[in-house]
C-alpha atoms as a PDB file:
ATOM      1  CA  MET A   1     101.767  69.065 113.111  1.00  0.00           C
ATOM      2  CA  ALA A   2     103.309  68.278 109.729  1.00  0.00           C
ATOM      3  CA  GLN A   3     106.481  70.009 108.665  1.00  0.00           C
ATOM      4  CA  ALA A   4     106.245  72.362 105.682  1.00  0.00           C
ATOM      5  CA  THR A   5     107.795  71.094 102.484  1.00  0.00           C
ATOM      6  CA  SER A   6     110.898  72.843 101.250  1.00  0.00           C
ATOM      7  CA  LEU A   7     112.689  72.950  97.939  1.00  0.00           C
ATOM      8  CA  GLN A   8     115.430  70.410  97.305  1.00  0.00           C
ATOM      9  CA  PRO A   9     118.815  71.696  96.051  1.00  0.00           C
ATOM     10  CA  GLY A  10     118.049  70.445  92.530  1.00  0.00           C
ATOM     11  CA  GLN A  11     114.720  72.287  92.544  1.00  0.00           C
ATOM     12  CA  ILE A  12     116.440  75.485  93.662  1.00  0.00           C
ATOM     13  CA  ARG A  13     119.003  75.195  90.857  1.00  0.00           C
ATOM     14  CA  HIS A  14     116.178  74.594  88.377  1.00  0.00           C
ATOM     15  CA  LEU A  15     114.227  77.608  89.712  1.00  0.00           C
ATOM     16  CA  LEU A  16     117.265  79.859  89.319  1.00  0.00           C
ATOM     17  CA  ARG A  17     118.007  78.563  85.795  1.00  0.00           C
ATOM     18  CA  VAL A  18     114.403  79.063  84.672  1.00  0.00           C
ATOM     19  CA  THR A  19     114.303  82.537  86.240  1.00  0.00           C
ATOM     20  CA  ALA A  20     117.565  83.526  84.542  1.00  0.00           C
ATOM     21  CA  ALA A  21     116.332  82.208  81.183  1.00  0.00           C
ATOM     22  CA  THR A  22     112.740  83.472  81.154  1.00  0.00           C
ATOM     23  CA  SER A  23     112.551  86.580  83.343  1.00  0.00           C
ATOM     24  CA  ARG A  24     112.374  90.035  81.798  1.00  0.00           C
ATOM     25  CA  HIS A  25     114.754  91.204  84.558  1.00  0.00           C
ATOM     26  CA  PRO A  26     116.867  88.159  85.464  1.00  0.00           C
ATOM     27  CA  GLU A  27     119.510  90.078  87.458  1.00  0.00           C
ATOM     28  CA  ARG A  28     116.913  91.481  89.843  1.00  0.00           C
ATOM     29  CA  ASP A  29     114.711  88.403  90.045  1.00  0.00           C
ATOM     30  CA  CYS A  30     117.567  85.961  90.717  1.00  0.00           C
ATOM     31  CA  LEU A  31     118.903  88.284  93.424  1.00  0.00           C
ATOM     32  CA  VAL A  32     115.473  88.440  95.095  1.00  0.00           C
ATOM     33  CA  LEU A  33     115.250  84.640  95.101  1.00  0.00           C
ATOM     34  CA  LEU A  34     118.768  84.223  96.449  1.00  0.00           C
ATOM     35  CA  LEU A  35     118.299  86.826  99.205  1.00  0.00           C
ATOM     36  CA  GLY A  36     115.275  84.905 100.392  1.00  0.00           C
ATOM     37  CA  LEU A  37     116.830  81.463 100.057  1.00  0.00           C
ATOM     38  CA  THR A  38     120.377  82.088 101.292  1.00  0.00           C
ATOM     39  CA  ALA A  39     119.949  84.953 103.761  1.00  0.00           C
ATOM     40  CA  GLY A  40     116.457  84.132 105.025  1.00  0.00           C
ATOM     41  CA  MET A  41     115.064  87.553 104.152  1.00  0.00           C
ATOM     42  CA  ARG A  42     111.319  88.084 103.879  1.00  0.00           C
ATOM     43  CA  VAL A  43     109.712  89.694 100.824  1.00  0.00           C
ATOM     44  CA  THR A  44     108.953  92.964 102.630  1.00  0.00           C
ATOM     45  CA  GLU A  45     112.542  93.134 103.925  1.00  0.00           C
ATOM     46  CA  ILE A  46     113.905  92.601 100.414  1.00  0.00           C
ATOM     47  CA  ALA A  47     111.599  95.317  99.045  1.00  0.00           C
ATOM     48  CA  GLN A  48     112.626  97.826 101.718  1.00  0.00           C
ATOM     49  CA  ILE A  49     116.353  97.270 102.219  1.00  0.00           C
ATOM     50  CA  GLU A  50     118.479 100.194 101.048  1.00  0.00           C
ATOM     51  CA  VAL A  51     121.834 100.342  99.277  1.00  0.00           C
ATOM     52  CA  GLN A  52     123.491 101.827 102.380  1.00  0.00           C
ATOM     53  CA  ASP A  53     122.324  98.819 104.413  1.00  0.00           C
ATOM     54  CA  LEU A  54     124.426  96.471 102.228  1.00  0.00           C
ATOM     55  CA  LEU A  55     127.384  98.584 101.159  1.00  0.00           C
ATOM     56  CA  PHE A  56     129.997 100.619 102.963  1.00  0.00           C
ATOM     57  CA  PRO A  57     130.520 104.139 101.567  1.00  0.00           C
ATOM     58  CA  SER A  58     133.628 102.765  99.825  1.00  0.00           C
ATOM     59  CA  GLY A  59     131.378 100.380  97.855  1.00  0.00           C
ATOM     60  CA  ALA A  60     132.560  97.230  99.627  1.00  0.00           C
ATOM     61  CA  LEU A  61     129.918  94.708 100.678  1.00  0.00           C
ATOM     62  CA  ARG A  62     129.217  94.523 104.408  1.00  0.00           C
ATOM     63  CA  ASP A  63     129.961  91.170 106.078  1.00  0.00           C
ATOM     64  CA  GLU A  64     127.163  91.623 108.593  1.00  0.00           C
ATOM     65  CA  ILE A  65     124.026  93.364 107.362  1.00  0.00           C
ATOM     66  CA  SER A  66     121.793  94.899 109.979  1.00  0.00           C
ATOM     67  CA  LEU A  67     118.123  94.963 109.031  1.00  0.00           C
ATOM     68  CA  ARG A  68     116.510  97.985 110.638  1.00  0.00           C
ATOM     69  CA  ALA A  69     113.593  97.399 113.001  1.00  0.00           C
ATOM     70  CA  ALA A  70     111.391  99.525 110.737  1.00  0.00           C
ATOM     71  CA  ILE A  71     111.556  96.932 107.945  1.00  0.00           C
ATOM     72  CA  THR A  72     111.532  93.628 109.839  1.00  0.00           C
ATOM     73  CA  LYS A  73     108.661  91.476 110.984  1.00  0.00           C
ATOM     74  CA  GLY A  74     107.833  92.236 114.584  1.00  0.00           C
ATOM     75  CA  CYS A  75     109.814  95.504 114.376  1.00  0.00           C
ATOM     76  CA  ARG A  76     112.934  93.887 115.822  1.00  0.00           C
ATOM     77  CA  GLN A  77     116.353  94.651 114.408  1.00  0.00           C
ATOM     78  CA  ARG A  78     118.192  91.554 113.193  1.00  0.00           C
ATOM     79  CA  CYS A  79     121.377  90.702 111.337  1.00  0.00           C
ATOM     80  CA  ILE A  80     121.861  88.658 108.193  1.00  0.00           C
ATOM     81  CA  TYR A  81     125.036  87.390 106.578  1.00  0.00           C
ATOM     82  CA  LEU A  82     125.604  87.260 102.836  1.00  0.00           C
ATOM     83  CA  SER A  83     128.136  84.462 102.750  1.00  0.00           C
ATOM     84  CA  HIS A  84     126.792  82.370  99.869  1.00  0.00           C
ATOM     85  CA  ALA A  85     128.945  82.829  96.755  1.00  0.00           C
ATOM     86  CA  LYS A  86     125.974  82.754  94.348  1.00  0.00           C
ATOM     87  CA  ALA A  87     124.129  85.441  96.345  1.00  0.00           C
ATOM     88  CA  ILE A  88     127.188  87.703  96.383  1.00  0.00           C
ATOM     89  CA  SER A  89     127.712  87.149  92.654  1.00  0.00           C
ATOM     90  CA  ALA A  90     124.027  87.893  91.942  1.00  0.00           C
ATOM     91  CA  LEU A  91     124.233  91.071  94.038  1.00  0.00           C
ATOM     92  CA  ASP A  92     127.303  92.260  92.114  1.00  0.00           C
ATOM     93  CA  ARG A  93     125.583  91.516  88.775  1.00  0.00           C
ATOM     94  CA  TYR A  94     122.454  93.416  89.835  1.00  0.00           C
ATOM     95  CA  LEU A  95     124.433  96.419  91.089  1.00  0.00           C
ATOM     96  CA  ASP A  96     126.358  96.484  87.789  1.00  0.00           C
ATOM     97  CA  PHE A  97     122.999  96.288  85.953  1.00  0.00           C
ATOM     98  CA  ARG A  98     121.687  99.274  87.939  1.00  0.00           C
ATOM     99  CA  ILE A  99     124.818 101.306  87.293  1.00  0.00           C
ATOM    100  CA  ALA A 100     124.753 100.522  83.561  1.00  0.00           C
ATOM    101  CA  ARG A 101     121.085 101.615  83.352  1.00  0.00           C
ATOM    102  CA  TYR A 102     121.623 104.710  85.574  1.00  0.00           C
ATOM    103  CA  LEU A 103     118.934 103.535  88.027  1.00  0.00           C
ATOM    104  CA  ARG A 104     119.214 105.833  91.054  1.00  0.00           C
ATOM    105  CA  THR A 105     122.866 106.728  90.524  1.00  0.00           C
ATOM    106  CA  THR A 106     124.802 109.733  91.836  1.00  0.00           C
ATOM    107  CA  GLY A 107     127.633 110.059  89.355  1.00  0.00           C
ATOM    108  CA  ASP A 108     130.268 109.513  92.074  1.00  0.00           C
ATOM    109  CA  PRO A 109     131.567 105.953  91.577  1.00  0.00           C
ATOM    110  CA  GLY A 110     133.788 106.304  94.660  1.00  0.00           C
ATOM    111  CA  ARG A 111     130.821 106.309  97.058  1.00  0.00           C
ATOM    112  CA  TYR A 112     128.426 103.361  97.230  1.00  0.00           C
ATOM    113  CA  ARG A 113     129.619 102.322  93.738  1.00  0.00           C
ATOM    114  CA  GLY A 114     127.876 105.399  92.334  1.00  0.00           C
ATOM    115  CA  LEU A 115     124.411 104.469  93.653  1.00  0.00           C
ATOM    116  CA  GLU A 116     122.177 106.655  95.807  1.00  0.00           C
ATOM    117  CA  PRO A 117     122.753 105.373  99.363  1.00  0.00           C
ATOM    118  CA  SER A 118     119.159 105.922 100.492  1.00  0.00           C
ATOM    119  CA  SER A 119     117.620 104.280  97.414  1.00  0.00           C
ATOM    120  CA  LYS A 120     115.991 100.892  97.764  1.00  0.00           C
ATOM    121  CA  LEU A 121     118.206  98.013  96.681  1.00  0.00           C
ATOM    122  CA  ILE A 122     115.534  96.323  94.573  1.00  0.00           C
ATOM    123  CA  LEU A 123     113.830  98.589  92.031  1.00  0.00           C
ATOM    124  CA  THR A 124     111.115  98.135  89.433  1.00  0.00           C
ATOM    125  CA  HIS A 125     112.060  98.094  85.751  1.00  0.00           C
ATOM    126  CA  LYS A 126     111.411 101.857  85.659  1.00  0.00           C
ATOM    127  CA  GLY A 127     113.728 102.549  88.597  1.00  0.00           C
ATOM    128  CA  TYR A 128     111.098 103.046  91.273  1.00  0.00           C
ATOM    129  CA  LYS A 129     110.809 101.255  94.592  1.00  0.00           C
ATOM    130  CA  PHE A 130     108.233  98.521  95.042  1.00  0.00           C
ATOM    131  CA  HIS A 131     105.186  99.889  96.852  1.00  0.00           C
ATOM    132  CA  LEU A 132     103.815  98.165  99.905  1.00  0.00           C
ATOM    133  CA  ASN A 133     100.245  98.418 101.106  1.00  0.00           C
ATOM    134  CA  THR A 134      99.398  98.572 104.771  1.00  0.00           C
ATOM    135  CA  LYS A 135      96.746  96.144 105.926  1.00  0.00           C
ATOM    136  CA  ARG A 136      95.048  96.794 109.234  1.00  0.00           C
ATOM    137  CA  ARG A 137      93.958  93.791 111.259  1.00  0.00           C
ATOM    138  CA  MET A 138      92.835  93.271 114.822  1.00  0.00           C
ATOM    139  CA  SER A 139      95.160  91.365 117.163  1.00  0.00           C
ATOM    140  CA  TRP A 140      93.955  88.717 119.578  1.00  0.00           C
ATOM    141  CA  ALA A 141      93.922  91.438 122.250  1.00  0.00           C
ATOM    142  CA  GLY A 142      91.599  93.570 120.125  1.00  0.00           C
ATOM    143  CA  GLU A 143      94.256  96.151 119.209  1.00  0.00           C
ATOM    144  CA  PRO A 144      94.764  97.335 115.606  1.00  0.00           C
ATOM    145  CA  VAL A 145      97.909  95.963 113.949  1.00  0.00           C
ATOM    146  CA  ASP A 146      99.323  97.146 110.609  1.00  0.00           C
ATOM    147  CA  TYR A 147     100.952  94.800 108.080  1.00  0.00           C
ATOM    148  CA  LEU A 148     102.859  95.667 104.917  1.00  0.00           C
ATOM    149  CA  VAL A 149     101.880  93.897 101.705  1.00  0.00           C
ATOM    150  CA  ASN A 150     103.526  94.067  98.320  1.00  0.00           C
ATOM    151  CA  ARG A 151     100.887  95.628  96.006  1.00  0.00           C
ATOM    152  CA  HIS A 152     102.139  93.850  92.905  1.00  0.00           C
ATOM    153  CA  GLU A 153     101.962  90.435  94.573  1.00  0.00           C
ATOM    154  CA  PHE A 154      98.546  91.231  96.027  1.00  0.00           C
ATOM    155  CA  SER A 155      97.231  92.236  92.592  1.00  0.00           C
ATOM    156  CA  ARG A 156      98.714  89.191  90.894  1.00  0.00           C
ATOM    157  CA  HIS A 157      97.235  86.782  93.447  1.00  0.00           C
ATOM    158  CA  SER A 158      93.874  88.565  93.304  1.00  0.00           C
ATOM    159  CA  ARG A 159      93.773  88.234  89.503  1.00  0.00           C
ATOM    160  CA  ALA A 160      94.727  84.563  89.786  1.00  0.00           C
ATOM    161  CA  ALA A 161      91.855  84.073  92.248  1.00  0.00           C
ATOM    162  CA  GLY A 162      89.421  85.422  89.637  1.00  0.00           C
ATOM    163  CA  ASN A 163      88.924  88.975  90.893  1.00  0.00           C
ATOM    164  CA  THR A 164      88.437  91.728  88.328  1.00  0.00           C
ATOM    165  CA  ALA A 165      90.192  95.081  88.075  1.00  0.00           C
ATOM    166  CA  PHE A 166      86.988  96.658  89.419  1.00  0.00           C
ATOM    167  CA  HIS A 167      87.598  94.890  92.750  1.00  0.00           C
ATOM    168  CA  ILE A 168      91.407  95.047  92.793  1.00  0.00           C
ATOM    169  CA  ARG A 169      91.929  98.773  92.116  1.00  0.00           C
ATOM    170  CA  PRO A 170      90.276 100.092  95.303  1.00  0.00           C
ATOM    171  CA  ALA A 171      92.193  97.585  97.413  1.00  0.00           C
ATOM    172  CA  THR A 172      95.534  98.708  95.962  1.00  0.00           C
ATOM    173  CA  SER A 173      94.755 102.448  95.886  1.00  0.00           C
ATOM    174  CA  HIS A 174      94.680 102.478  92.067  1.00  0.00           C
ATOM    175  CA  CYS A 175      91.411 104.414  91.809  1.00  0.00           C
END
């Protein structure tokens, strides 16, 4: 079986530069890319991780981040390490961006840098969490299995495939 192609370091640098230059929300989007590339996080894990998972109550970044079983693939708890300097810098920039825009803040800068501990780390431009759809499929054993899907990504890919809003809205619960 052939090995999947991966991005070369130059391609990754180019992707980050283009994202920073063209995105409407470069702080968030660069952080999402770096969490996936440097920490090996999946999209659903990035969408569901909370502020308290990454920060101590003092506001310091955790060395070892435990991803709860409820948000990981296969429902197995696992640990990630944010040791890449660019990822840590992007996280600090995004947290500063959230604080400056008052996105899910508490007013107490001494705890979790003033952010709501139970709020999702990555928020939409309006300050809401990204919604995930649940897809139900049958396993090889014939048992129902639920999967989480990012609604925005599903809609975007459906539009790119030529589907109309008439077909996309029922699938994403936008009726």
